[in-house]
Amino acid sequence: MKIRAIETVRIEERPNLLWVEVHTDEGITGLGETFYLSRTVEEYLHEYVAPRVIGRDPLEIDLLAADLVGYLGFRSSGAEVRGNSAFDIALWDIFGKATGQPVAQLLGGFSRRSIRTYNTCAGTEYIKDAKGQTTANYGIGAGRDYDDLNAFLTRAGELAEELLSDGITAMKIWPFDHAAEKTRGNDISAADLKAALEPFEKIRKAVGDRIDIMVEFHSMWQLLPAMRIAEALRPYATYWHEDPIRMDSLGDL
């Protein structure tokens, strides 16, 4: 089996999304996907990836991955990584279809048959375009039933009750982003800290400990304010704190 073509699918309604189809000469097609700056990633896939992989065996997944990162300018993020990731997902899809097995089985087998889910409290318009991970790109306004981001900012207790009624026992929120943008993550005022803690207060008041709360920080904070925030969250028994500082901030780590 050989790779015959790479096709990309992008729709204007969701300009940050990109689907990647890898076609083979045996009629098996693998589907991958990626997110953010889709036009740039699309160009990379057709200009760089396609010429290097067409005609090759799609089941040589590790070899193909190694060949796509073997140039001097490669880094740990950006369009190249997102494009390579989408291509890699498509190859695993081909592998599963070619062998008639779930990809989980090919990766070593099932370690469990079910997994707990949690609700990432965003809305349908969240980060819809390429403005970036900013509060201006929250996309608030999709309507009550579809905008959990606005819900956790304004009626977090009600949202927690709604999630529990749907059988969801954990929720992830990010009420600290506005404060981080004010200072570029260097500090948080007492007033901003108090405001950001309000959703946690409402959730615990409404449902107690029946729902777990995860906190997303989007890597926006320096170490000292991140530690201050973590201490302030202690009374709310948060389940985890996701990316409070940048992973490449070696001094903070």
C-alpha atoms as a PDB file:
ATOM      1  CA  MET A   1       0.000   0.000   0.000  1.00  0.00           C
ATOM      2  CA  LYS A   2       1.257   3.466  -0.936  1.00  0.00           C
ATOM      3  CA  ILE A   3       0.179   7.012  -0.197  1.00  0.00           C
ATOM      4  CA  ARG A   4      -1.472   8.413  -3.317  1.00  0.00           C
ATOM      5  CA  ALA A   5      -2.497  11.932  -2.267  1.00  0.00           C
ATOM      6  CA  ILE A   6      -3.076  14.328   0.611  1.00  0.00           C
ATOM      7  CA  GLU A   7      -6.336  16.268   0.606  1.00  0.00           C
ATOM      8  CA  THR A   8      -7.194  19.102   2.972  1.00  0.00           C
ATOM      9  CA  VAL A   9     -10.696  20.262   3.878  1.00  0.00           C
ATOM     10  CA  ARG A  10     -11.354  23.688   5.349  1.00  0.00           C
ATOM     11  CA  ILE A  11     -14.713  25.422   5.806  1.00  0.00           C
ATOM     12  CA  GLU A  12     -15.269  29.145   6.202  1.00  0.00           C
ATOM     13  CA  GLU A  13     -17.778  28.666   9.029  1.00  0.00           C
ATOM     14  CA  ARG A  14     -14.960  27.275  11.197  1.00  0.00           C
ATOM     15  CA  PRO A  15     -11.800  28.842   9.770  1.00  0.00           C
ATOM     16  CA  ASN A  16      -9.525  27.515  12.518  1.00  0.00           C
ATOM     17  CA  LEU A  17     -10.351  23.866  11.791  1.00  0.00           C
ATOM     18  CA  LEU A  18      -8.555  21.752   9.200  1.00  0.00           C
ATOM     19  CA  TRP A  19      -9.247  18.157   8.217  1.00  0.00           C
ATOM     20  CA  VAL A  20      -6.592  16.111   6.439  1.00  0.00           C
ATOM     21  CA  GLU A  21      -7.379  13.080   4.305  1.00  0.00           C
ATOM     22  CA  VAL A  22      -4.555  10.752   3.290  1.00  0.00           C
ATOM     23  CA  HIS A  23      -5.549   8.648   0.270  1.00  0.00           C
ATOM     24  CA  THR A  24      -3.883   5.336  -0.613  1.00  0.00           C
ATOM     25  CA  ASP A  25      -3.665   3.313  -3.806  1.00  0.00           C
ATOM     26  CA  GLU A  26      -5.715   0.546  -2.164  1.00  0.00           C
ATOM     27  CA  GLY A  27      -8.711   2.794  -1.593  1.00  0.00           C
ATOM     28  CA  ILE A  28      -8.223   3.236   2.149  1.00  0.00           C
ATOM     29  CA  THR A  29      -8.420   6.837   3.327  1.00  0.00           C
ATOM     30  CA  GLY A  30      -7.212   8.080   6.697  1.00  0.00           C
ATOM     31  CA  LEU A  31      -8.675  11.142   8.391  1.00  0.00           C
ATOM     32  CA  GLY A  32      -6.736  13.547  10.605  1.00  0.00           C
ATOM     33  CA  GLU A  33      -7.483  16.968  12.011  1.00  0.00           C
ATOM     34  CA  THR A  34      -5.828  20.010  13.523  1.00  0.00           C
ATOM     35  CA  PHE A  35      -6.752  23.410  14.881  1.00  0.00           C
ATOM     36  CA  TYR A  36      -5.643  27.030  14.501  1.00  0.00           C
ATOM     37  CA  LEU A  37      -4.167  28.977  11.567  1.00  0.00           C
ATOM     38  CA  SER A  38      -5.578  26.386   9.200  1.00  0.00           C
ATOM     39  CA  ARG A  39      -4.498  28.152   5.995  1.00  0.00           C
ATOM     40  CA  THR A  40      -0.878  28.154   7.125  1.00  0.00           C
ATOM     41  CA  VAL A  41      -0.998  24.496   8.130  1.00  0.00           C
ATOM     42  CA  GLU A  42      -2.729  23.614   4.865  1.00  0.00           C
ATOM     43  CA  GLU A  43       0.021  25.287   2.848  1.00  0.00           C
ATOM     44  CA  TYR A  44       2.694  23.456   4.841  1.00  0.00           C
ATOM     45  CA  LEU A  45       1.044  20.090   4.231  1.00  0.00           C
ATOM     46  CA  HIS A  46       0.883  20.564   0.470  1.00  0.00           C
ATOM     47  CA  GLU A  47       4.245  22.278   0.041  1.00  0.00           C
ATOM     48  CA  TYR A  48       6.392  20.270   2.453  1.00  0.00           C
ATOM     49  CA  VAL A  49       4.689  17.074   3.597  1.00  0.00           C
ATOM     50  CA  ALA A  50       3.028  15.820   0.404  1.00  0.00           C
ATOM     51  CA  PRO A  51       6.186  15.756  -1.777  1.00  0.00           C
ATOM     52  CA  ARG A  52       7.997  13.771   0.924  1.00  0.00           C
ATOM     53  CA  VAL A  53       5.362  11.138   1.610  1.00  0.00           C
ATOM     54  CA  ILE A  54       3.478  10.449  -1.637  1.00  0.00           C
ATOM     55  CA  GLY A  55       4.461   7.020  -2.928  1.00  0.00           C
ATOM     56  CA  ARG A  56       5.545   5.764   0.486  1.00  0.00           C
ATOM     57  CA  ASP A  57       4.084   3.122   2.796  1.00  0.00           C
ATOM     58  CA  PRO A  58       1.524   4.754   5.140  1.00  0.00           C
ATOM     59  CA  LEU A  59       2.101   2.040   7.739  1.00  0.00           C
ATOM     60  CA  GLU A  60       5.697   3.153   8.316  1.00  0.00           C
ATOM     61  CA  ILE A  61       4.324   5.667  10.785  1.00  0.00           C
ATOM     62  CA  ASP A  62       7.416   6.216  12.924  1.00  0.00           C
ATOM     63  CA  LEU A  63       9.759   6.476   9.932  1.00  0.00           C
ATOM     64  CA  LEU A  64       7.540   9.023   8.215  1.00  0.00           C
ATOM     65  CA  ALA A  65       7.273  11.053  11.410  1.00  0.00           C
ATOM     66  CA  ALA A  66      11.050  11.090  11.803  1.00  0.00           C
ATOM     67  CA  ASP A  67      11.588  12.181   8.210  1.00  0.00           C
ATOM     68  CA  LEU A  68       9.206  15.114   8.592  1.00  0.00           C
ATOM     69  CA  VAL A  69      11.130  16.663  11.480  1.00  0.00           C
ATOM     70  CA  GLY A  70      14.645  16.146  10.195  1.00  0.00           C
ATOM     71  CA  TYR A  71      15.477  19.699   9.194  1.00  0.00           C
ATOM     72  CA  LEU A  72      17.387  22.422  10.994  1.00  0.00           C
ATOM     73  CA  GLY A  73      14.503  24.811  11.553  1.00  0.00           C
ATOM     74  CA  PHE A  74      12.267  22.332  13.370  1.00  0.00           C
ATOM     75  CA  ARG A  75      10.887  23.471  16.711  1.00  0.00           C
ATOM     76  CA  SER A  76       8.404  22.161  19.248  1.00  0.00           C
ATOM     77  CA  SER A  77       5.380  24.157  18.098  1.00  0.00           C
ATOM     78  CA  GLY A  78       3.855  25.939  15.141  1.00  0.00           C
ATOM     79  CA  ALA A  79       2.333  25.039  11.807  1.00  0.00           C
ATOM     80  CA  GLU A  80       4.805  22.216  11.194  1.00  0.00           C
ATOM     81  CA  VAL A  81       3.873  20.393  14.373  1.00  0.00           C
ATOM     82  CA  ARG A  82       0.144  20.835  13.807  1.00  0.00           C
ATOM     83  CA  GLY A  83       0.445  19.647  10.209  1.00  0.00           C
ATOM     84  CA  ASN A  84       2.588  16.650  11.143  1.00  0.00           C
ATOM     85  CA  SER A  85       0.138  15.786  13.909  1.00  0.00           C
ATOM     86  CA  ALA A  86      -2.861  15.788  11.569  1.00  0.00           C
ATOM     87  CA  PHE A  87      -0.936  13.637   9.084  1.00  0.00           C
ATOM     88  CA  ASP A  88       0.062  11.226  11.858  1.00  0.00           C
ATOM     89  CA  ILE A  89      -3.541  10.869  13.033  1.00  0.00           C
ATOM     90  CA  ALA A  90      -4.578  10.013   9.478  1.00  0.00           C
ATOM     91  CA  LEU A  91      -1.869   7.330   9.250  1.00  0.00           C
ATOM     92  CA  TRP A  92      -3.121   5.653  12.405  1.00  0.00           C
ATOM     93  CA  ASP A  93      -6.630   5.771  10.958  1.00  0.00           C
ATOM     94  CA  ILE A  94      -5.322   3.971   7.869  1.00  0.00           C
ATOM     95  CA  PHE A  95      -3.537   1.409  10.064  1.00  0.00           C
ATOM     96  CA  GLY A  96      -6.740   0.657  11.950  1.00  0.00           C
ATOM     97  CA  LYS A  97      -8.810   0.331   8.772  1.00  0.00           C
ATOM     98  CA  ALA A  98      -6.176  -1.818   7.042  1.00  0.00           C
ATOM     99  CA  THR A  99      -6.025  -4.288   9.934  1.00  0.00           C
ATOM    100  CA  GLY A 100      -9.659  -4.104  10.985  1.00  0.00           C
ATOM    101  CA  GLN A 101      -8.755  -3.146  14.533  1.00  0.00           C
ATOM    102  CA  PRO A 102      -9.407  -0.182  16.820  1.00  0.00           C
ATOM    103  CA  VAL A 103      -6.425   2.155  17.034  1.00  0.00           C
ATOM    104  CA  ALA A 104      -6.435   1.621  20.811  1.00  0.00           C
ATOM    105  CA  GLN A 105      -5.669  -2.058  20.179  1.00  0.00           C
ATOM    106  CA  LEU A 106      -2.800  -1.174  17.852  1.00  0.00           C
ATOM    107  CA  LEU A 107      -1.340   1.114  20.509  1.00  0.00           C
ATOM    108  CA  GLY A 108      -1.131  -1.719  23.017  1.00  0.00           C
ATOM    109  CA  GLY A 109      -4.666  -2.703  23.869  1.00  0.00           C
ATOM    110  CA  PHE A 110      -7.450  -1.408  26.063  1.00  0.00           C
ATOM    111  CA  SER A 111      -6.466  -0.655  29.639  1.00  0.00           C
ATOM    112  CA  ARG A 112     -10.073   0.277  30.471  1.00  0.00           C
ATOM    113  CA  ARG A 113     -13.412   0.213  28.700  1.00  0.00           C
ATOM    114  CA  SER A 114     -14.822   3.468  29.984  1.00  0.00           C
ATOM    115  CA  ILE A 115     -13.425   6.815  31.071  1.00  0.00           C
ATOM    116  CA  ARG A 116     -14.862   9.638  33.097  1.00  0.00           C
ATOM    117  CA  THR A 117     -15.699  12.757  31.108  1.00  0.00           C
ATOM    118  CA  TYR A 118     -15.613  16.392  32.125  1.00  0.00           C
ATOM    119  CA  ASN A 119     -17.102  19.495  30.555  1.00  0.00           C
ATOM    120  CA  THR A 120     -14.754  22.102  29.114  1.00  0.00           C
ATOM    121  CA  CYS A 121     -16.948  25.131  29.665  1.00  0.00           C
ATOM    122  CA  ALA A 122     -16.608  26.854  26.294  1.00  0.00           C
ATOM    123  CA  GLY A 123     -19.186  27.828  23.682  1.00  0.00           C
ATOM    124  CA  THR A 124     -19.709  27.020  20.025  1.00  0.00           C
ATOM    125  CA  GLU A 125     -17.982  30.247  18.948  1.00  0.00           C
ATOM    126  CA  TYR A 126     -14.956  29.901  21.242  1.00  0.00           C
ATOM    127  CA  ILE A 127     -11.626  30.730  19.485  1.00  0.00           C
ATOM    128  CA  LYS A 128     -13.459  30.524  16.171  1.00  0.00           C
ATOM    129  CA  ASP A 129     -10.907  32.560  14.220  1.00  0.00           C
ATOM    130  CA  ALA A 130      -7.185  33.343  14.315  1.00  0.00           C
ATOM    131  CA  LYS A 131      -7.257  36.247  16.764  1.00  0.00           C
ATOM    132  CA  GLY A 132      -5.561  33.995  19.288  1.00  0.00           C
ATOM    133  CA  GLN A 133      -6.176  32.709  22.786  1.00  0.00           C
ATOM    134  CA  THR A 134      -7.526  35.978  24.139  1.00  0.00           C
ATOM    135  CA  THR A 135     -10.633  37.067  25.994  1.00  0.00           C
ATOM    136  CA  ALA A 136     -11.593  39.077  22.896  1.00  0.00           C
ATOM    137  CA  ASN A 137     -11.915  35.755  21.064  1.00  0.00           C
ATOM    138  CA  TYR A 138     -14.172  34.070  23.618  1.00  0.00           C
ATOM    139  CA  GLY A 139     -17.104  34.181  21.194  1.00  0.00           C
ATOM    140  CA  ILE A 140     -19.620  34.873  23.935  1.00  0.00           C
ATOM    141  CA  GLY A 141     -23.184  35.147  22.670  1.00  0.00           C
ATOM    142  CA  ALA A 142     -24.070  31.721  21.276  1.00  0.00           C
ATOM    143  CA  GLY A 143     -27.196  31.523  23.410  1.00  0.00           C
ATOM    144  CA  ARG A 144     -27.886  30.099  26.851  1.00  0.00           C
ATOM    145  CA  ASP A 145     -27.959  26.452  25.811  1.00  0.00           C
ATOM    146  CA  TYR A 146     -24.641  26.551  23.963  1.00  0.00           C
ATOM    147  CA  ASP A 147     -22.466  29.080  25.785  1.00  0.00           C
ATOM    148  CA  ASP A 148     -21.000  27.467  28.879  1.00  0.00           C
ATOM    149  CA  LEU A 149     -18.201  30.047  28.935  1.00  0.00           C
ATOM    150  CA  ASN A 150     -20.577  32.914  29.557  1.00  0.00           C
ATOM    151  CA  ALA A 151     -22.409  30.637  31.972  1.00  0.00           C
ATOM    152  CA  PHE A 152     -19.406  29.982  34.199  1.00  0.00           C
ATOM    153  CA  LEU A 153     -18.593  33.698  34.220  1.00  0.00           C
ATOM    154  CA  THR A 154     -22.117  34.805  35.155  1.00  0.00           C
ATOM    155  CA  ARG A 155     -24.086  31.876  36.610  1.00  0.00           C
ATOM    156  CA  ALA A 156     -21.565  29.209  37.548  1.00  0.00           C
ATOM    157  CA  GLY A 157     -23.754  27.621  40.207  1.00  0.00           C
ATOM    158  CA  GLU A 158     -26.629  27.075  37.796  1.00  0.00           C
ATOM    159  CA  LEU A 159     -24.249  25.639  35.212  1.00  0.00           C
ATOM    160  CA  ALA A 160     -22.877  23.156  37.746  1.00  0.00           C
ATOM    161  CA  GLU A 161     -26.408  22.023  38.569  1.00  0.00           C
ATOM    162  CA  GLU A 162     -27.225  21.612  34.864  1.00  0.00           C
ATOM    163  CA  LEU A 163     -24.098  19.541  34.280  1.00  0.00           C
ATOM    164  CA  LEU A 164     -24.858  17.267  37.224  1.00  0.00           C
ATOM    165  CA  SER A 165     -28.371  16.734  35.886  1.00  0.00           C
ATOM    166  CA  ASP A 166     -26.754  15.524  32.646  1.00  0.00           C
ATOM    167  CA  GLY A 167     -24.537  13.086  34.539  1.00  0.00           C
ATOM    168  CA  ILE A 168     -21.358  15.171  34.212  1.00  0.00           C
ATOM    169  CA  THR A 169     -19.423  15.340  37.481  1.00  0.00           C
ATOM    170  CA  ALA A 170     -16.493  17.586  36.562  1.00  0.00           C
ATOM    171  CA  MET A 171     -16.102  20.951  34.846  1.00  0.00           C
ATOM    172  CA  LYS A 172     -13.144  23.048  33.636  1.00  0.00           C
ATOM    173  CA  ILE A 173     -13.254  26.843  33.794  1.00  0.00           C
ATOM    174  CA  TRP A 174     -10.811  29.741  33.257  1.00  0.00           C
ATOM    175  CA  PRO A 175     -11.923  32.911  35.076  1.00  0.00           C
ATOM    176  CA  PHE A 176      -8.372  34.247  35.546  1.00  0.00           C
ATOM    177  CA  ASP A 177      -7.638  35.177  31.916  1.00  0.00           C
ATOM    178  CA  HIS A 178      -8.971  38.725  32.131  1.00  0.00           C
ATOM    179  CA  ALA A 179      -6.702  39.468  35.081  1.00  0.00           C
ATOM    180  CA  ALA A 180      -3.702  37.939  33.307  1.00  0.00           C
ATOM    181  CA  GLU A 181      -4.208  40.144  30.256  1.00  0.00           C
ATOM    182  CA  LYS A 182      -4.124  43.276  32.413  1.00  0.00           C
ATOM    183  CA  THR A 183      -0.587  42.608  33.683  1.00  0.00           C
ATOM    184  CA  ARG A 184       0.754  40.082  31.154  1.00  0.00           C
ATOM    185  CA  GLY A 185       0.657  37.575  33.973  1.00  0.00           C
ATOM    186  CA  ASN A 186       3.073  39.460  36.201  1.00  0.00           C
ATOM    187  CA  ASP A 187       0.645  40.290  38.999  1.00  0.00           C
ATOM    188  CA  ILE A 188      -2.969  40.016  40.099  1.00  0.00           C
ATOM    189  CA  SER A 189      -4.682  42.628  42.225  1.00  0.00           C
ATOM    190  CA  ALA A 190      -6.774  41.781  45.256  1.00  0.00           C
ATOM    191  CA  ALA A 191      -9.897  42.970  43.442  1.00  0.00           C
ATOM    192  CA  ASP A 192      -9.209  40.879  40.329  1.00  0.00           C
ATOM    193  CA  LEU A 193      -8.408  37.829  42.431  1.00  0.00           C
ATOM    194  CA  LYS A 194     -11.675  38.197  44.322  1.00  0.00           C
ATOM    195  CA  ALA A 195     -13.630  38.564  41.077  1.00  0.00           C
ATOM    196  CA  ALA A 196     -12.007  35.487  39.543  1.00  0.00           C
ATOM    197  CA  LEU A 197     -12.850  33.401  42.604  1.00  0.00           C
ATOM    198  CA  GLU A 198     -16.569  34.165  42.356  1.00  0.00           C
ATOM    199  CA  PRO A 199     -17.399  31.247  40.004  1.00  0.00           C
ATOM    200  CA  PHE A 200     -15.782  28.795  42.437  1.00  0.00           C
ATOM    201  CA  GLU A 201     -17.758  30.272  45.308  1.00  0.00           C
ATOM    202  CA  LYS A 202     -21.013  29.969  43.349  1.00  0.00           C
ATOM    203  CA  ILE A 203     -20.307  26.372  42.332  1.00  0.00           C
ATOM    204  CA  ARG A 204     -19.510  25.194  45.841  1.00  0.00           C
ATOM    205  CA  LYS A 205     -22.516  27.048  47.256  1.00  0.00           C
ATOM    206  CA  ALA A 206     -24.845  25.497  44.677  1.00  0.00           C
ATOM    207  CA  VAL A 207     -23.665  21.878  44.572  1.00  0.00           C
ATOM    208  CA  GLY A 208     -21.059  21.490  47.296  1.00  0.00           C
ATOM    209  CA  ASP A 209     -18.429  18.872  46.507  1.00  0.00           C
ATOM    210  CA  ARG A 210     -20.626  16.906  44.116  1.00  0.00           C
ATOM    211  CA  ILE A 211     -18.732  18.283  41.115  1.00  0.00           C
ATOM    212  CA  ASP A 212     -14.976  18.546  40.585  1.00  0.00           C
ATOM    213  CA  ILE A 213     -13.564  21.825  39.282  1.00  0.00           C
ATOM    214  CA  MET A 214     -10.560  21.959  36.958  1.00  0.00           C
ATOM    215  CA  VAL A 215      -8.859  25.298  36.309  1.00  0.00           C
ATOM    216  CA  GLU A 216      -7.361  26.267  32.923  1.00  0.00           C
ATOM    217  CA  PHE A 217      -4.745  29.044  32.982  1.00  0.00           C
ATOM    218  CA  HIS A 218      -3.616  28.999  29.319  1.00  0.00           C
ATOM    219  CA  SER A 219       0.048  29.416  30.365  1.00  0.00           C
ATOM    220  CA  MET A 220      -0.575  33.105  31.017  1.00  0.00           C
ATOM    221  CA  TRP A 221       1.068  33.548  34.419  1.00  0.00           C
ATOM    222  CA  GLN A 222       4.486  34.087  35.930  1.00  0.00           C
ATOM    223  CA  LEU A 223       5.442  31.857  38.843  1.00  0.00           C
ATOM    224  CA  LEU A 224       4.748  34.101  41.850  1.00  0.00           C
ATOM    225  CA  PRO A 225       1.203  35.183  40.906  1.00  0.00           C
ATOM    226  CA  ALA A 226       0.467  31.594  39.849  1.00  0.00           C
ATOM    227  CA  MET A 227       1.452  30.439  43.327  1.00  0.00           C
ATOM    228  CA  ARG A 228      -0.695  33.143  44.905  1.00  0.00           C
ATOM    229  CA  ILE A 229      -3.692  32.077  42.835  1.00  0.00           C
ATOM    230  CA  ALA A 230      -3.134  28.412  43.692  1.00  0.00           C
ATOM    231  CA  GLU A 231      -3.129  29.238  47.386  1.00  0.00           C
ATOM    232  CA  ALA A 232      -6.331  31.274  47.026  1.00  0.00           C
ATOM    233  CA  LEU A 233      -8.006  28.300  45.315  1.00  0.00           C
ATOM    234  CA  ARG A 234      -7.131  25.857  48.087  1.00  0.00           C
ATOM    235  CA  PRO A 235     -10.477  26.235  49.951  1.00  0.00           C
ATOM    236  CA  TYR A 236     -12.367  25.181  46.811  1.00  0.00           C
ATOM    237  CA  ALA A 237     -10.544  21.832  46.490  1.00  0.00           C
ATOM    238  CA  THR A 238      -9.825  22.256  42.785  1.00  0.00           C
ATOM    239  CA  TYR A 239      -9.142  19.009  40.912  1.00  0.00           C
ATOM    240  CA  TRP A 240      -6.213  20.271  38.831  1.00  0.00           C
ATOM    241  CA  HIS A 241      -4.521  23.446  37.620  1.00  0.00           C
ATOM    242  CA  GLU A 242      -3.750  23.280  33.904  1.00  0.00           C
ATOM    243  CA  ASP A 243      -0.786  25.194  32.453  1.00  0.00           C
ATOM    244  CA  PRO A 244      -0.473  28.042  34.973  1.00  0.00           C
ATOM    245  CA  ILE A 245       2.990  28.879  33.580  1.00  0.00           C
ATOM    246  CA  ARG A 246       4.643  28.347  30.217  1.00  0.00           C
ATOM    247  CA  MET A 247       6.163  24.912  29.779  1.00  0.00           C
ATOM    248  CA  ASP A 248       9.297  26.450  28.273  1.00  0.00           C
ATOM    249  CA  SER A 249       9.815  28.799  31.219  1.00  0.00           C
ATOM    250  CA  LEU A 250      12.720  26.810  32.615  1.00  0.00           C
ATOM    251  CA  GLY A 251      13.423  29.249  35.435  1.00  0.00           C
ATOM    252  CA  ASP A 252       9.878  28.939  36.757  1.00  0.00           C
ATOM    253  CA  LEU A 253       9.853  25.172  36.371  1.00  0.00           C
END
